Protein backbone atom coordinates (compact mmCIF):
# COMPACT_ATOMS: atom_id res chain seq x y z
CA MET A 1 -0.08 -0.04 0.15
CA THR A 2 1.33 3.34 -0.83
CA LYS A 3 2.21 5.96 1.82
CA LYS A 4 1.91 8.91 -0.37
CA HIS A 5 -1.09 10.67 -1.81
CA ILE A 6 -0.18 13.64 -4.13
CA TYR A 7 -2.83 15.58 -5.93
CA MET A 8 -1.68 17.01 -9.26
CA ASP A 9 -5.20 17.46 -10.97
CA ASN A 10 -5.90 20.87 -9.86
CA ASN A 11 -7.35 22.01 -13.15
CA ALA A 12 -10.09 19.48 -12.68
CA THR A 13 -10.89 20.56 -9.27
CA THR A 14 -9.13 22.21 -6.31
CA PRO A 15 -9.42 21.23 -2.55
CA LEU A 16 -11.43 23.71 -0.37
CA HIS A 17 -9.19 26.32 1.16
CA PRO A 18 -9.27 25.98 4.99
CA GLU A 19 -10.73 29.61 5.17
CA VAL A 20 -13.42 28.72 2.71
CA LYS A 21 -14.35 25.66 4.86
CA LYS A 22 -14.66 27.71 7.95
CA ALA A 23 -16.60 30.54 6.11
CA MET A 24 -19.09 28.16 4.80
CA ALA A 25 -19.63 26.35 8.15
CA GLU A 26 -20.59 29.60 9.69
CA ALA A 27 -22.90 30.32 6.80
CA MET A 28 -24.77 27.30 7.47
CA ASP A 29 -26.64 29.00 10.30
CA VAL A 30 -28.02 31.47 7.77
CA TYR A 31 -30.87 29.64 6.29
CA GLY A 32 -33.26 32.52 5.19
CA ASN A 33 -34.21 32.92 1.71
CA PRO A 34 -32.49 35.92 0.27
CA SER A 35 -35.63 36.85 -1.54
CA SER A 36 -37.63 37.06 1.72
CA LEU A 37 -38.53 40.37 3.26
CA HIS A 38 -38.11 39.29 6.89
CA TRP A 39 -34.98 39.59 8.95
CA PHE A 40 -33.91 36.13 8.29
CA GLY A 41 -34.07 36.68 4.52
CA ARG A 42 -32.40 40.19 4.76
CA LYS A 43 -29.39 38.49 6.52
CA ALA A 44 -29.01 36.01 3.81
CA LYS A 45 -29.37 38.79 1.09
CA ALA A 46 -26.60 40.97 2.75
CA MET A 47 -24.19 38.06 2.73
CA VAL A 48 -25.04 37.32 -1.03
CA GLU A 49 -24.61 41.12 -2.02
CA GLY A 50 -21.38 41.37 0.03
CA VAL A 51 -19.77 38.52 -2.07
CA ARG A 52 -21.16 40.22 -5.28
CA HIS A 53 -19.04 43.18 -4.40
CA LYS A 54 -16.07 41.20 -3.77
CA VAL A 55 -16.21 39.29 -7.00
CA ALA A 56 -16.90 42.40 -8.88
CA SER A 57 -13.86 44.00 -7.24
CA PHE A 58 -11.68 41.01 -7.83
CA VAL A 59 -12.32 41.04 -11.57
CA GLY A 60 -12.23 44.82 -11.95
CA ALA A 61 -16.09 45.09 -12.82
CA SER A 62 -17.44 48.73 -12.69
CA SER A 63 -20.21 47.56 -10.70
CA ALA A 64 -21.46 44.76 -8.60
CA ASP A 65 -24.79 44.50 -10.60
CA GLU A 66 -22.53 43.26 -13.54
CA VAL A 67 -21.94 39.98 -11.58
CA ILE A 68 -24.43 37.29 -11.73
CA PHE A 69 -24.31 34.16 -9.49
CA VAL A 70 -24.87 30.80 -11.37
CA GLY A 71 -24.53 27.10 -10.59
CA SER A 72 -21.39 26.43 -12.44
CA GLY A 73 -18.97 27.60 -15.16
CA SER A 74 -20.70 25.42 -17.62
CA GLU A 75 -24.02 27.06 -16.83
CA ALA A 76 -22.58 30.55 -17.48
CA ASN A 77 -20.94 29.58 -20.76
CA ASN A 78 -24.41 27.95 -21.72
CA THR A 79 -26.24 31.12 -20.91
CA VAL A 80 -24.08 33.33 -23.07
CA LEU A 81 -24.11 31.17 -26.14
CA SER A 82 -27.72 30.21 -25.96
CA MET A 83 -28.85 33.88 -26.27
CA PHE A 84 -28.08 33.84 -29.86
CA VAL A 85 -30.51 31.22 -30.68
CA CYS A 86 -32.96 33.06 -28.74
CA TYR A 87 -32.19 36.21 -30.60
CA SER A 88 -32.87 34.38 -33.97
CA GLN A 89 -36.33 33.37 -32.77
CA LYS A 90 -37.20 37.04 -32.31
CA CYS A 91 -37.02 37.04 -28.45
CA PRO A 92 -37.85 40.50 -26.81
CA CYS A 93 -34.23 40.74 -25.73
CA HIS A 94 -33.19 40.82 -29.40
CA CYS A 95 -30.22 43.05 -29.71
CA GLY A 96 -30.27 43.76 -33.46
CA ARG A 97 -26.87 42.10 -33.93
CA GLY A 98 -26.24 38.91 -35.96
CA THR A 99 -26.78 35.65 -34.71
CA ASP A 100 -23.73 33.84 -36.00
CA ILE A 101 -21.18 32.58 -33.36
CA ILE A 102 -17.52 32.20 -33.63
CA THR A 103 -15.39 29.96 -31.21
CA THR A 104 -12.26 28.01 -31.26
CA ALA A 105 -11.34 24.43 -31.89
CA ILE A 106 -9.90 23.97 -28.23
CA GLU A 107 -12.78 25.15 -26.12
CA HIS A 108 -13.98 23.35 -22.98
CA PRO A 109 -16.52 20.56 -23.62
CA CYS A 110 -19.42 22.90 -22.38
CA ILE A 111 -18.81 25.28 -25.16
CA MET A 112 -18.16 22.54 -27.98
CA GLU A 113 -21.32 20.54 -26.91
CA THR A 114 -23.42 23.80 -26.71
CA SER A 115 -22.12 24.93 -30.18
CA LYS A 116 -23.18 21.64 -31.63
CA CYS A 117 -26.60 21.84 -30.12
CA LEU A 118 -27.03 25.47 -31.28
CA SER A 119 -25.85 24.34 -34.86
CA ASP A 120 -28.74 21.86 -34.85
CA ARG A 121 -31.24 24.56 -33.84
CA GLY A 122 -30.27 26.71 -36.90
CA CYS A 123 -27.52 28.78 -35.42
CA LYS A 124 -24.23 29.21 -37.59
CA VAL A 125 -21.05 28.41 -35.46
CA SER A 126 -17.71 28.71 -37.02
CA TYR A 127 -14.39 27.32 -35.50
CA LEU A 128 -11.12 29.08 -35.28
CA LYS A 129 -8.03 26.89 -35.85
CA VAL A 130 -5.03 27.07 -33.63
CA ASP A 131 -1.30 26.76 -34.19
CA LYS A 132 0.81 24.11 -32.58
CA TYR A 133 1.05 25.93 -29.23
CA GLY A 134 -2.79 26.56 -29.14
CA LYS A 135 -2.98 30.20 -30.14
CA ILE A 136 -5.43 31.50 -32.46
CA ASP A 137 -4.62 33.78 -35.49
CA LEU A 138 -6.00 37.27 -35.26
CA ASP A 139 -6.00 37.66 -39.07
CA GLU A 140 -8.06 34.53 -39.47
CA LEU A 141 -10.51 35.73 -36.97
CA GLY A 142 -10.91 39.03 -38.87
CA LYS A 143 -11.55 37.21 -42.01
CA MET A 144 -14.16 34.94 -40.56
CA MET A 145 -16.22 37.62 -39.07
CA THR A 146 -19.13 39.08 -41.00
CA ASP A 147 -22.07 41.48 -40.61
CA GLN A 148 -23.94 38.62 -39.18
CA THR A 149 -21.38 37.59 -36.40
CA GLY A 150 -23.18 38.32 -33.08
CA LEU A 151 -20.66 36.68 -30.72
CA VAL A 152 -17.10 35.46 -30.45
CA SER A 153 -16.25 33.24 -27.62
CA VAL A 154 -12.49 32.44 -27.06
CA MET A 155 -11.31 30.79 -23.63
CA MET A 156 -8.64 32.86 -21.92
CA ALA A 157 -6.67 29.86 -20.65
CA ASN A 158 -6.89 26.32 -21.91
CA ASN A 159 -7.88 23.75 -19.43
CA GLU A 160 -5.74 21.01 -21.01
CA ILE A 161 -2.48 22.62 -22.20
CA GLY A 162 -2.68 25.83 -20.28
CA THR A 163 -2.06 28.25 -23.23
CA ILE A 164 -3.15 31.85 -22.51
CA GLN A 165 -4.65 34.04 -25.35
CA ASP A 166 -4.18 37.46 -25.88
CA ILE A 167 -7.80 38.41 -24.84
CA ARG A 168 -7.33 42.17 -24.98
CA LYS A 169 -6.36 42.15 -28.60
CA ILE A 170 -9.04 39.60 -29.54
CA ALA A 171 -11.77 41.59 -27.80
CA GLY A 172 -10.47 44.84 -29.64
CA LEU A 173 -10.91 43.21 -33.06
CA VAL A 174 -14.22 41.58 -32.16
CA HIS A 175 -15.51 45.17 -31.10
CA LYS A 176 -14.16 46.90 -34.14
CA LYS A 177 -16.14 44.37 -36.22
CA GLY A 178 -19.34 45.27 -34.19
CA ALA A 179 -19.86 41.96 -32.22
CA LEU A 180 -19.98 41.05 -28.63
CA PHE A 181 -17.14 38.95 -26.85
CA HIS A 182 -17.14 36.36 -24.35
CA THR A 183 -14.32 34.66 -22.72
CA ASP A 184 -14.37 31.40 -20.54
CA ALA A 185 -11.93 32.50 -17.93
CA VAL A 186 -12.49 29.58 -15.67
CA GLN A 187 -8.91 28.41 -15.52
CA ALA A 188 -7.49 31.96 -15.67
CA VAL A 189 -9.33 33.75 -12.76
CA GLY A 190 -7.34 33.17 -9.62
CA LYS A 191 -4.18 32.05 -11.27
CA VAL A 192 -3.22 34.94 -13.21
CA PRO A 193 -4.40 38.66 -12.95
CA VAL A 194 -7.69 39.19 -14.68
CA ASN A 195 -9.50 42.44 -15.15
CA VAL A 196 -12.51 42.75 -17.24
CA LYS A 197 -12.26 46.51 -18.04
CA GLU A 198 -8.55 46.01 -19.25
CA LEU A 199 -9.55 43.13 -21.34
CA ASP A 200 -12.68 44.88 -22.50
CA VAL A 201 -14.82 41.71 -22.60
CA ASP A 202 -18.60 41.90 -22.63
CA PHE A 203 -19.11 38.36 -20.72
CA LEU A 204 -16.53 36.47 -18.60
CA THR A 205 -17.17 33.19 -16.70
CA ILE A 206 -15.81 32.17 -13.39
CA SER A 207 -16.22 28.99 -11.34
CA GLY A 208 -15.81 28.52 -7.57
CA HIS A 209 -14.22 25.09 -7.54
CA LYS A 210 -11.31 25.96 -9.71
CA ILE A 211 -9.97 28.59 -7.08
CA TYR A 212 -10.33 26.62 -3.85
CA GLY A 213 -14.04 27.23 -3.54
CA PRO A 214 -16.91 25.02 -3.50
CA LYS A 215 -18.40 23.13 -6.25
CA GLY A 216 -22.03 24.18 -7.56
CA ILE A 217 -21.33 27.81 -7.86
CA GLY A 218 -20.00 30.13 -10.35
CA ALA A 219 -20.37 33.65 -11.60
CA LEU A 220 -20.91 35.44 -15.07
CA TYR A 221 -19.75 39.03 -15.70
CA ALA A 222 -22.08 40.66 -17.92
CA LYS A 223 -20.99 44.13 -18.99
CA LYS A 224 -23.57 46.90 -18.08
CA GLY A 225 -25.76 47.67 -21.19
CA VAL A 226 -25.00 44.45 -23.09
CA PRO A 227 -28.27 42.51 -24.13
CA PHE A 228 -29.17 39.60 -21.84
CA CYS A 229 -31.43 36.66 -21.99
CA PRO A 230 -31.79 34.35 -19.03
CA LEU A 231 -31.13 30.54 -19.47
CA ILE A 232 -33.10 29.69 -16.38
CA ARG A 233 -36.39 31.39 -16.18
CA GLY A 234 -39.14 31.44 -13.44
CA GLY A 235 -38.14 34.05 -10.67
CA HIS A 236 -36.84 37.54 -10.20
CA GLN A 237 -33.57 36.47 -8.62
CA GLU A 238 -30.35 38.01 -9.77
CA ARG A 239 -32.24 40.86 -11.22
CA GLY A 240 -34.34 38.41 -13.28
CA ARG A 241 -31.30 37.02 -15.15
CA ARG A 242 -30.97 33.69 -13.31
CA ALA A 243 -34.15 32.23 -11.65
CA GLY A 244 -33.70 29.93 -8.64
CA THR A 245 -33.32 30.60 -4.95
CA GLU A 246 -29.50 31.61 -4.34
CA ASN A 247 -27.16 29.09 -2.99
CA THR A 248 -26.19 31.36 -0.07
CA ILE A 249 -23.48 28.91 1.42
CA GLY A 250 -21.92 28.27 -1.96
CA ILE A 251 -21.88 32.08 -2.67
CA VAL A 252 -20.10 32.58 0.64
CA GLY A 253 -17.70 29.89 -0.15
CA LEU A 254 -17.00 31.68 -3.50
CA GLY A 255 -16.48 35.06 -1.68
CA LYS A 256 -13.98 33.69 0.67
CA ALA A 257 -12.15 31.87 -2.10
CA VAL A 258 -11.94 35.08 -4.12
CA GLU A 259 -10.60 36.95 -0.88
CA MET A 260 -8.06 34.33 -0.33
CA ARG A 261 -7.01 34.45 -4.00
CA GLU A 262 -6.45 38.19 -3.57
CA ALA A 263 -4.04 37.55 -0.78
CA GLU A 264 -2.20 34.47 -2.12
CA MET A 265 -2.27 34.49 -5.86
CA GLU A 266 0.72 36.70 -6.65
CA GLN A 267 3.14 34.60 -4.52
CA GLU A 268 1.65 31.43 -5.57
CA GLU A 269 1.98 32.23 -9.39
CA VAL A 270 5.80 32.59 -8.88
CA ARG A 271 6.11 29.48 -6.89
CA LEU A 272 4.08 27.18 -9.18
CA LEU A 273 6.02 28.61 -12.06
CA GLU A 274 9.12 27.39 -10.44
CA LEU A 275 7.80 23.92 -9.57
CA ARG A 276 6.57 23.69 -13.30
CA GLU A 277 10.10 24.38 -14.54
CA ILE A 278 11.42 21.79 -12.31
CA LEU A 279 8.93 19.34 -13.56
CA ARG A 280 9.59 20.21 -17.16
CA LYS A 281 13.30 20.06 -17.00
CA GLY A 282 13.24 16.74 -15.06
CA ILE A 283 10.94 15.16 -17.47
CA GLU A 284 12.98 16.16 -20.57
CA ASP A 285 16.20 15.31 -18.98
CA ASN A 286 15.19 11.88 -17.74
CA ILE A 287 12.54 10.67 -20.11
CA PRO A 288 13.48 10.29 -23.95
CA ASP A 289 10.81 10.73 -26.52
CA SER A 290 8.74 13.13 -24.35
CA PHE A 291 7.19 16.27 -25.72
CA ILE A 292 5.95 19.30 -23.78
CA ASN A 293 2.63 20.68 -25.27
CA GLY A 294 1.22 24.27 -25.15
CA HIS A 295 2.85 27.52 -25.42
CA PRO A 296 6.27 27.68 -23.67
CA ASP A 297 5.61 31.25 -22.13
CA ASP A 298 1.88 32.27 -22.31
CA CYS A 299 0.84 29.45 -20.10
CA LEU A 300 -0.76 28.98 -16.79
CA PRO A 301 1.81 28.62 -14.10
CA GLY A 302 0.80 25.29 -12.83
CA THR A 303 -0.19 23.44 -15.94
CA LEU A 304 2.12 20.93 -17.86
CA ASN A 305 0.70 18.86 -20.57
CA VAL A 306 3.23 16.14 -21.81
CA SER A 307 3.27 13.37 -24.26
CA PHE A 308 5.34 10.30 -23.99
CA GLU A 309 5.76 8.30 -27.12
CA GLY A 310 4.99 4.70 -26.80
CA ALA A 311 3.11 5.07 -23.46
CA GLU A 312 -0.59 5.40 -23.59
CA GLY A 313 -1.96 8.09 -21.16
CA GLU A 314 -4.54 6.13 -19.46
CA SER A 315 -2.03 3.49 -18.53
CA ILE A 316 0.28 6.28 -17.20
CA LEU A 317 -2.64 7.67 -15.12
CA LEU A 318 -3.33 4.27 -13.75
CA TYR A 319 0.22 3.45 -12.77
CA LEU A 320 0.87 6.70 -11.15
CA ASP A 321 -2.43 6.20 -9.23
CA LEU A 322 -1.02 3.07 -7.74
CA GLU A 323 2.03 5.08 -6.61
CA GLY A 324 -0.52 7.67 -5.03
CA ILE A 325 -0.25 10.33 -7.54
CA ALA A 326 -3.26 11.85 -9.29
CA VAL A 327 -2.91 13.46 -12.74
CA SER A 328 -5.24 13.32 -15.58
CA THR A 329 -5.40 12.72 -19.33
CA GLY A 330 -7.19 15.85 -20.36
CA SER A 331 -10.41 17.50 -19.36
CA ALA A 332 -12.19 15.96 -16.45
CA CYS A 333 -15.53 16.79 -18.10
CA ALA A 334 -14.37 14.43 -21.01
CA SER A 335 -13.15 11.61 -18.84
CA GLY A 336 -14.64 8.30 -19.80
CA SER A 337 -14.18 9.10 -23.44
CA LEU A 338 -11.69 6.74 -25.42
CA ASP A 339 -11.29 9.41 -27.96
CA PRO A 340 -8.01 11.53 -27.99
CA SER A 341 -7.99 15.00 -26.67
CA HIS A 342 -9.62 17.42 -29.17
CA VAL A 343 -7.38 19.98 -27.87
CA LEU A 344 -4.11 18.27 -28.74
CA LEU A 345 -5.54 17.06 -32.19
CA ALA A 346 -6.41 20.77 -33.08
CA THR A 347 -2.82 21.61 -32.52
CA GLY A 348 -1.90 19.25 -35.23
CA MET A 349 -0.69 16.46 -33.07
CA PRO A 350 -0.86 12.87 -34.42
CA ILE A 351 -3.67 10.75 -32.99
CA GLU A 352 -1.09 8.19 -31.60
CA LEU A 353 0.80 10.88 -29.74
CA ALA A 354 -2.23 12.46 -28.52
CA HIS A 355 -3.31 9.25 -26.88
CA ASP A 356 0.07 9.15 -25.05
CA SER A 357 -0.46 12.44 -23.21
CA ILE A 358 -1.11 13.42 -19.41
CA ARG A 359 -1.99 16.73 -17.75
CA ILE A 360 -0.23 17.68 -14.53
CA SER A 361 -1.84 20.70 -12.79
CA LEU A 362 -0.18 21.98 -9.63
CA GLY A 363 -1.93 23.88 -6.85
CA ARG A 364 -1.48 25.60 -3.57
CA GLU A 365 -0.88 22.45 -1.66
CA ASN A 366 1.86 21.00 -3.84
CA THR A 367 5.38 21.12 -2.67
CA LEU A 368 8.92 20.65 -3.90
CA ASP A 369 8.75 17.36 -2.28
CA ASP A 370 5.84 16.27 -4.30
CA VAL A 371 7.54 17.25 -7.54
CA GLY A 372 10.63 15.22 -6.37
CA TYR A 373 8.58 12.13 -5.66
CA PHE A 374 6.85 12.49 -9.04
CA LEU A 375 10.01 12.64 -10.89
CA ASP A 376 11.16 9.65 -9.09
CA VAL A 377 8.31 7.59 -10.14
CA LEU A 378 7.53 8.78 -13.58
CA PRO A 379 10.43 7.55 -15.35
CA ARG A 380 10.00 4.04 -13.92
CA VAL A 381 6.35 4.05 -14.94
CA ILE A 382 7.07 5.29 -18.60
CA HIS A 383 9.87 2.66 -18.83
CA LYS A 384 7.56 -0.12 -17.62
CA ILE A 385 4.67 0.80 -20.07
CA ARG A 386 7.18 1.18 -22.99
CA ASN A 387 8.60 -2.35 -22.23
CA MET A 388 5.22 -3.69 -22.85
CA SER A 389 4.66 -1.80 -25.99
CA THR A 390 5.80 -4.05 -28.99
CA ALA A 391 5.39 -1.20 -31.40
CA TYR A 392 7.55 1.17 -29.38
CA LYS A 393 10.35 -1.44 -28.97
CA GLU A 394 10.21 -2.06 -32.69
CA GLU A 395 10.67 1.40 -33.65
CA ARG A 396 13.71 1.89 -31.59
CA PRO A 397 17.12 1.22 -33.21
């Protein structure tokens, strides 16, 4: 039985911050419905609105009213994209813009699947290609946009390879062409500085459980004055933009997570970059036929995606798990699929090598000792798997 348990899958979800646990435990005594007018309701409402101001401040919003609490990052992304089919059906919220959508070939599954659904419902969706590092081409985007383009959605930081896009430049081009711009910033917020005014985005997505907060809570930034159509209807909550009784405890957890990110993010970014560099160098120096994926510089501080020729990713994951190390083969939302990563394939990687990839994502609880243990175990695991691979051995001189 292994004595160590090391978690290196923080892009999938993060452990609750101790201060978040404490805040949520205290909030459990506040059970009033935030929409109720009595004292119990007003107390809950005050907590919700306090967090709204915290989140708005953290991402640089002009007003707390620009922050909408939702159940997840996926819900926020669905909300934004689904507006444009609603527009095409002459909804009262119709903004007069086109209804075509442009996104990228490396988005999170919640964007990709929603885009497919919208296409089936008559919405035109186009996909931007990326280069070998996962970066989009601004010139290509400019050529793809037409008078009918209503929305462009480009994720800020990729969940699998960590590549960070130049959102400010992309938003500037999109607005120049007269469309709205959305960025899924779930993997970026709390890891690198994010300011919605500096980025000039119309919509931005946040998720609590990616920043040491609870699952089941997220936020959508919607710039004041942009057209908006709710995905979930039925009540006046969130100023009529998202029906359903507010998840007070989850919202409190998100607020404390944001507060702790403000205090810890800057130093953590530096520390994780150092650990990531030690990991990268250790892998490249000790394991032949290994390839680092994603942009070498414009990348999340704690994300390292690596392909090991001749060693299937799921086998690597399982052998590492036996040694007490948790990593992933890509997006947690796509786990269970035997298909290779759509992100890696979009960068031009051959299917066989895409299958031979793992994602290591570091977080606030990872240490230099963790990295040392990982670098001790991984070469043995890769060697063992390759020794069982007839194809790999036959290709060696």
